[in-house]
Amino acid sequence: MRVAFDIVGGREGAIAIITNLNMTAKEAKVAAEYIMDKYGHVRSVVRKVGKRSGKYRTFKIKHLLGKKNLVVVHKEYGYKLKLHLGKVHFSPREGDERERIVKQVKDGEKILYLFSGVAPYAVAIAKKRKVEITCIEWNPTAVRYAKENIKLNKLKGVRVLKRDVKKFTSKEKFDRIIMPLGLEAIDYLKFVDIFVKKGTIIHLYGTSGDGGKDLSKQVKMILKRKFKVVNVQKVANFSPGIEKVRLDIVIV
């Protein structure tokens, strides 16, 4: 069986996450031993044992081999992200996507970052741009690590609020809104109307079977303002025939 896995962490110590959900316990054990043997910096191997679920939409994790401490510091593009696997959601595969967003951001922007988790997009942006970022997240563990990551990377201009996105209010209008909750972000689009102005850019993530066309149709049904979808970016393969995509929406 082909082993699908991600590695979170750095050379000082990483954790491998086996993502095959249909493996037997014996197959997973063999795979864990193979990974530990081949990748010297991997100190622990765990496996996902179910899809994202629960109040905070996290994956259930089962320890297989190595150290049982699941707190790890992940490194990418010159910054660090501290997190606890199993208690927060984080995708190491989307480091390139975070960098694509950084390249779009200009100094001086006010950014609203919804479903911010441990704040990877905020850290990536604030590391290279002089901006103001408001992060909204309601998982208390993720909020704690987000605040740690801001200090860890010595960042300014980033605030993290423990809030339910549906209940968050602000009189501020933002230049950019980031919505990286792949499966459900579209359900929250109606709540961002009060935060936008002419020229606001919304990065809406979702899943699509036809290059984003179906997602764009849903946006037309929800947004009450005039807008343009100026770009569709494939982020990752989600399942056979389905991709995770990003729509770049500009309010006009």
Protein backbone atom coordinates (compact mmCIF):
# COMPACT_ATOMS: atom_id res chain seq x y z
CA MET A 1 0.00 0.00 0.00
CA ARG A 2 1.22 3.49 -0.87
CA VAL A 3 1.76 5.57 2.27
CA ALA A 4 0.48 9.14 2.23
CA PHE A 5 1.90 11.32 4.98
CA ASP A 6 2.79 14.88 5.91
CA ILE A 7 5.75 16.05 7.98
CA VAL A 8 5.24 18.91 10.42
CA GLY A 9 8.26 20.47 12.10
CA GLY A 10 11.89 21.18 11.31
CA ARG A 11 15.30 19.57 11.45
CA GLU A 12 15.36 19.87 15.23
CA GLY A 13 12.43 17.47 15.46
CA ALA A 14 9.39 16.72 13.34
CA ILE A 15 6.20 14.69 13.47
CA ALA A 16 4.98 12.60 10.55
CA ILE A 17 1.23 12.28 10.06
CA ILE A 18 -0.01 9.29 8.08
CA THR A 19 -3.13 10.41 6.25
CA ASN A 20 -4.36 7.07 4.84
CA LEU A 21 -7.68 6.50 6.59
CA ASN A 22 -8.20 2.95 5.31
CA MET A 23 -4.99 1.38 6.65
CA THR A 24 -5.10 -1.53 9.06
CA ALA A 25 -3.33 -1.16 12.39
CA LYS A 26 -0.59 -3.52 11.19
CA GLU A 27 -0.06 -1.59 7.95
CA ALA A 28 0.12 1.68 9.86
CA LYS A 29 2.72 0.25 12.24
CA VAL A 30 4.91 -0.92 9.34
CA ALA A 31 4.53 2.47 7.66
CA ALA A 32 5.52 4.28 10.86
CA GLU A 33 8.67 2.19 11.20
CA TYR A 34 9.57 2.92 7.56
CA ILE A 35 9.13 6.66 8.02
CA MET A 36 11.16 6.79 11.25
CA ASP A 37 13.95 4.82 9.58
CA LYS A 38 14.07 6.96 6.43
CA TYR A 39 13.63 10.43 7.92
CA GLY A 40 16.13 11.01 10.68
CA HIS A 41 14.58 14.25 11.91
CA VAL A 42 11.17 12.64 12.51
CA ARG A 43 10.79 11.99 16.26
CA SER A 44 7.18 10.82 16.24
CA VAL A 45 4.71 9.20 13.86
CA VAL A 46 0.95 9.54 14.24
CA ARG A 47 -2.00 8.76 12.00
CA LYS A 48 -5.33 10.37 11.29
CA VAL A 49 -8.15 8.07 12.35
CA GLY A 50 -11.09 10.06 11.04
CA LYS A 51 -12.19 13.13 9.15
CA ARG A 52 -12.34 16.60 10.66
CA SER A 53 -15.08 16.67 13.28
CA GLY A 54 -16.22 18.18 16.55
CA LYS A 55 -16.76 21.74 17.69
CA TYR A 56 -13.35 22.89 16.48
CA ARG A 57 -13.21 20.81 13.26
CA THR A 58 -9.98 19.00 14.12
CA PHE A 59 -8.66 15.57 13.14
CA LYS A 60 -8.47 12.73 15.63
CA ILE A 61 -4.85 11.62 15.94
CA LYS A 62 -3.47 8.27 17.13
CA HIS A 63 0.15 7.95 18.25
CA LEU A 64 2.06 5.10 16.57
CA LEU A 65 5.76 5.44 17.23
CA GLY A 66 8.34 7.67 18.88
CA LYS A 67 7.84 10.43 21.41
CA LYS A 68 4.28 11.09 22.53
CA ASN A 69 4.69 14.86 22.83
CA LEU A 70 2.67 16.29 19.92
CA VAL A 71 3.73 19.91 20.33
CA VAL A 72 5.97 20.86 17.43
CA VAL A 73 7.53 23.94 15.83
CA HIS A 74 7.04 23.96 12.07
CA LYS A 75 9.32 26.04 9.85
CA GLU A 76 8.57 27.44 6.41
CA TYR A 77 9.62 30.50 4.38
CA GLY A 78 11.65 32.02 7.21
CA TYR A 79 9.08 31.89 10.00
CA LYS A 80 8.06 29.45 12.74
CA LEU A 81 4.67 28.05 13.73
CA LYS A 82 4.19 26.33 17.08
CA LEU A 83 1.18 24.04 17.42
CA HIS A 84 -0.28 20.93 19.03
CA LEU A 85 -1.28 18.28 16.51
CA GLY A 86 -4.74 16.91 17.19
CA LYS A 87 -5.89 19.99 19.08
CA VAL A 88 -5.64 22.46 16.20
CA HIS A 89 -5.97 22.25 12.43
CA PHE A 90 -2.86 22.95 10.34
CA SER A 91 -1.84 21.99 6.81
CA PRO A 92 1.90 21.92 6.07
CA ARG A 93 1.04 21.36 2.41
CA GLU A 94 -0.22 24.93 2.05
CA GLY A 95 3.02 26.77 2.73
CA ASP A 96 3.31 27.70 -0.96
CA GLU A 97 -0.27 28.96 -0.92
CA ARG A 98 0.46 31.18 2.06
CA GLU A 99 3.41 32.61 0.17
CA ARG A 100 1.19 33.31 -2.86
CA ILE A 101 -1.04 35.43 -0.63
CA VAL A 102 1.96 37.26 0.86
CA LYS A 103 2.99 38.34 -2.65
CA GLN A 104 -0.40 39.98 -3.20
CA VAL A 105 -0.38 42.00 0.02
CA LYS A 106 0.91 45.59 0.08
CA ASP A 107 2.25 47.57 3.04
CA GLY A 108 -0.40 49.53 4.92
CA GLU A 109 -3.28 47.11 4.40
CA LYS A 110 -5.91 46.32 7.02
CA ILE A 111 -6.60 42.59 6.88
CA LEU A 112 -9.34 40.46 8.44
CA TYR A 113 -8.31 36.82 8.83
CA LEU A 114 -11.20 34.48 9.66
CA PHE A 115 -10.85 30.89 10.93
CA SER A 116 -7.25 31.85 11.71
CA GLY A 117 -6.21 28.78 13.71
CA VAL A 118 -2.61 29.16 14.88
CA ALA A 119 -2.36 32.18 12.53
CA PRO A 120 -0.13 30.82 9.72
CA TYR A 121 -1.33 33.37 7.14
CA ALA A 122 -0.97 36.24 9.60
CA VAL A 123 2.57 35.19 10.51
CA ALA A 124 3.53 34.73 6.86
CA ILE A 125 2.19 38.17 5.91
CA ALA A 126 3.36 40.17 8.93
CA LYS A 127 6.85 38.71 8.62
CA LYS A 128 7.28 40.49 5.27
CA ARG A 129 4.73 43.31 5.18
CA LYS A 130 3.85 46.26 7.42
CA VAL A 131 0.15 45.66 7.93
CA GLU A 132 -2.62 45.47 10.51
CA ILE A 133 -4.18 42.00 10.82
CA THR A 134 -7.18 41.01 12.91
CA CYS A 135 -7.36 37.23 13.47
CA ILE A 136 -10.67 35.61 14.44
CA GLU A 137 -10.65 32.10 15.90
CA TRP A 138 -12.79 30.36 18.53
CA ASN A 139 -10.68 27.28 19.33
CA PRO A 140 -9.00 28.37 22.61
CA THR A 141 -5.98 26.13 22.03
CA ALA A 142 -5.45 27.58 18.56
CA VAL A 143 -5.82 31.11 19.94
CA ARG A 144 -3.15 30.41 22.55
CA TYR A 145 -0.69 29.09 19.98
CA ALA A 146 -1.49 31.94 17.58
CA LYS A 147 -0.49 34.43 20.26
CA GLU A 148 2.67 32.41 20.94
CA ASN A 149 3.50 32.45 17.22
CA ILE A 150 3.21 36.22 17.09
CA LYS A 151 5.73 36.50 19.93
CA LEU A 152 7.91 33.70 18.53
CA ASN A 153 8.30 35.59 15.24
CA LYS A 154 8.54 39.04 16.91
CA LEU A 155 5.68 40.46 14.89
CA LYS A 156 3.82 43.75 15.15
CA GLY A 157 0.39 44.78 13.97
CA VAL A 158 -1.31 41.40 14.57
CA ARG A 159 -4.11 40.87 17.08
CA VAL A 160 -5.86 37.60 17.83
CA LEU A 161 -9.46 37.56 19.07
CA LYS A 162 -11.28 34.51 20.43
CA ARG A 163 -14.60 34.94 18.66
CA ASP A 164 -17.24 33.03 16.75
CA VAL A 165 -17.02 34.36 13.17
CA LYS A 166 -20.83 34.59 13.00
CA LYS A 167 -20.91 36.85 16.06
CA PHE A 168 -17.87 39.02 15.36
CA THR A 169 -18.69 42.67 14.74
CA SER A 170 -16.54 45.68 13.91
CA LYS A 171 -17.00 49.17 12.51
CA GLU A 172 -13.76 48.75 10.56
CA LYS A 173 -13.69 48.21 6.81
CA PHE A 174 -10.90 45.97 5.60
CA ASP A 175 -8.73 46.01 2.49
CA ARG A 176 -8.42 42.23 2.43
CA ILE A 177 -10.36 39.33 3.99
CA ILE A 178 -8.88 35.83 4.16
CA MET A 179 -11.31 32.89 4.55
CA PRO A 180 -9.28 29.63 4.44
CA LEU A 181 -11.88 27.21 5.85
CA GLY A 182 -11.94 24.90 2.83
CA LEU A 183 -15.22 23.03 3.23
CA GLU A 184 -17.38 25.61 4.97
CA ALA A 185 -16.06 29.12 4.27
CA ILE A 186 -18.80 29.72 1.68
CA ASP A 187 -21.38 29.33 4.47
CA TYR A 188 -19.88 32.34 6.24
CA LEU A 189 -19.59 34.66 3.24
CA LYS A 190 -22.83 36.45 4.11
CA PHE A 191 -21.33 37.56 7.41
CA VAL A 192 -18.45 39.56 5.85
CA ASP A 193 -20.64 42.10 4.04
CA ILE A 194 -20.37 44.62 6.88
CA PHE A 195 -16.56 44.56 6.70
CA VAL A 196 -16.08 45.32 2.99
CA LYS A 197 -15.79 48.47 0.91
CA LYS A 198 -15.08 49.24 -2.73
CA GLY A 199 -11.79 47.56 -3.59
CA THR A 200 -11.84 45.01 -0.76
CA ILE A 201 -10.30 41.70 -1.81
CA ILE A 202 -11.79 38.49 -0.43
CA HIS A 203 -9.76 35.28 -0.60
CA LEU A 204 -12.44 32.61 -0.39
CA TYR A 205 -11.36 28.99 -0.17
CA GLY A 206 -13.57 26.06 -1.07
CA THR A 207 -13.84 22.81 -2.97
CA SER A 208 -14.76 22.53 -6.63
CA GLY A 209 -15.24 19.91 -9.29
CA ASP A 210 -15.04 22.27 -12.26
CA GLY A 211 -12.21 24.71 -11.67
CA GLY A 212 -14.12 27.03 -9.37
CA LYS A 213 -17.15 27.69 -11.59
CA ASP A 214 -19.57 26.02 -9.18
CA LEU A 215 -18.11 27.97 -6.26
CA SER A 216 -18.40 31.25 -8.20
CA LYS A 217 -22.10 30.54 -8.81
CA GLN A 218 -22.64 30.13 -5.08
CA VAL A 219 -20.89 33.47 -4.44
CA LYS A 220 -23.30 35.20 -6.86
CA MET A 221 -26.22 33.88 -4.85
CA ILE A 222 -24.81 35.08 -1.53
CA LEU A 223 -23.02 38.42 -2.04
CA LYS A 224 -25.38 41.37 -2.28
CA ARG A 225 -22.70 43.75 -3.58
CA LYS A 226 -21.19 44.06 -7.02
CA PHE A 227 -18.02 42.06 -7.34
CA LYS A 228 -15.64 40.38 -9.75
CA VAL A 229 -13.87 37.03 -9.44
CA VAL A 230 -10.46 38.08 -10.75
CA ASN A 231 -8.59 34.82 -10.21
CA VAL A 232 -9.09 31.15 -9.42
CA GLN A 233 -6.12 29.36 -7.88
CA LYS A 234 -5.87 25.61 -7.44
CA VAL A 235 -4.49 24.96 -3.96
CA ALA A 236 -4.50 21.17 -3.64
CA ASN A 237 -6.20 17.96 -4.67
CA PHE A 238 -9.01 17.28 -2.22
CA SER A 239 -10.46 13.98 -3.44
CA PRO A 240 -10.84 12.23 -6.82
CA GLY A 241 -12.27 14.82 -9.20
CA ILE A 242 -12.44 17.52 -6.50
CA GLU A 243 -9.91 20.30 -5.86
CA LYS A 244 -9.41 22.81 -3.10
CA VAL A 245 -9.40 26.21 -4.78
CA ARG A 246 -9.14 29.87 -3.89
CA LEU A 247 -11.34 32.54 -5.43
CA ASP A 248 -9.96 36.08 -5.41
CA ILE A 249 -13.04 38.30 -5.24
CA VAL A 250 -12.86 42.09 -5.60
CA ILE A 251 -15.72 44.31 -4.45
CA VAL A 252 -16.46 46.90 -7.19
